[in-house]
Protein backbone atom coordinates (compact mmCIF):
# COMPACT_ATOMS: atom_id res chain seq x y z
CA UNK A 1 97.29 106.61 107.90
CA UNK A 2 98.44 103.08 107.08
CA UNK A 3 99.36 101.69 103.69
CA UNK A 4 98.45 98.01 103.46
CA UNK A 5 101.44 95.83 104.22
CA UNK A 6 103.82 98.69 105.05
CA UNK A 7 102.76 100.15 108.37
CA UNK A 8 102.03 103.79 109.15
CA UNK A 9 102.90 106.53 106.67
CA UNK A 10 104.59 109.57 108.20
CA UNK A 11 104.61 113.01 106.65
CA UNK A 12 107.20 114.33 109.10
CA UNK A 13 110.13 112.26 107.88
CA UNK A 14 113.60 113.77 108.33
CA UNK A 15 115.62 114.94 105.35
CA UNK A 16 117.62 112.18 103.68
CA UNK A 17 121.15 111.72 104.96
CA UNK A 18 122.42 110.35 101.65
CA UNK A 19 121.74 111.38 98.06
CA UNK A 20 122.80 109.92 94.75
CA UNK A 21 125.86 111.64 93.31
CA UNK A 22 128.04 111.38 90.27
CA UNK A 23 127.80 111.80 86.53
CA UNK A 24 124.35 111.56 85.00
CA UNK A 25 122.50 112.41 88.26
CA UNK A 26 120.01 115.24 87.89
CA UNK A 27 117.84 116.64 90.64
CA UNK A 28 114.79 118.90 90.66
CA UNK A 29 113.52 120.36 93.91
CA UNK A 30 110.61 122.61 94.73
CA UNK A 31 111.32 125.85 96.60
CA UNK A 32 109.01 125.70 99.60
CA UNK A 33 106.09 128.15 99.54
CA UNK A 34 106.78 129.22 95.94
CA UNK A 35 105.95 128.08 92.41
CA UNK A 36 109.67 127.81 91.63
CA UNK A 37 111.48 124.59 90.76
CA UNK A 38 115.27 124.35 90.91
CA UNK A 39 117.13 121.92 88.68
CA UNK A 40 120.62 120.74 89.59
CA UNK A 41 123.01 119.09 87.17
CA UNK A 42 125.65 116.66 88.41
CA UNK A 43 128.32 119.22 87.45
CA UNK A 44 126.95 121.70 89.99
CA UNK A 45 125.14 123.99 87.54
CA UNK A 46 121.62 124.99 88.56
CA UNK A 47 118.70 126.85 87.08
CA UNK A 48 115.31 128.01 88.39
CA UNK A 49 112.05 127.81 86.47
CA UNK A 50 108.31 127.79 87.04
CA UNK A 51 107.68 125.33 84.22
CA UNK A 52 108.88 121.75 84.79
CA UNK A 53 109.14 121.03 81.06
CA UNK A 54 111.50 123.96 80.53
CA UNK A 55 113.62 122.82 83.46
CA UNK A 56 113.84 119.23 82.20
CA UNK A 57 114.71 120.45 78.72
CA UNK A 58 117.57 122.49 80.17
CA UNK A 59 118.81 119.59 82.30
CA UNK A 60 118.73 117.12 79.43
CA UNK A 61 120.35 119.55 76.96
CA UNK A 62 122.90 120.94 79.44
CA UNK A 63 125.15 117.85 79.48
CA UNK A 64 125.99 118.48 75.82
CA UNK A 65 128.53 120.98 77.15
CA UNK A 66 130.19 118.42 79.44
CA UNK A 67 133.10 116.22 78.47
CA UNK A 68 132.12 112.62 77.67
CA UNK A 69 131.45 110.58 80.79
CA UNK A 70 131.01 106.81 80.86
CA UNK A 71 127.54 105.81 82.07
């Protein structure tokens, strides 16, 4: 498959070697072969959920327990 102006699209790309880190970085990943999503807060806390809205609500409310961090 080719996307106009970009060259071939590959579905077998390797895992990223770098990820964003630091305060205010949230991550949600899908557990392969399940209906489970895992949310990770920048502080290292994580939570699993089947509903993305519930997971985002937790991630966005969770920082209220953190000390203030400059953006």
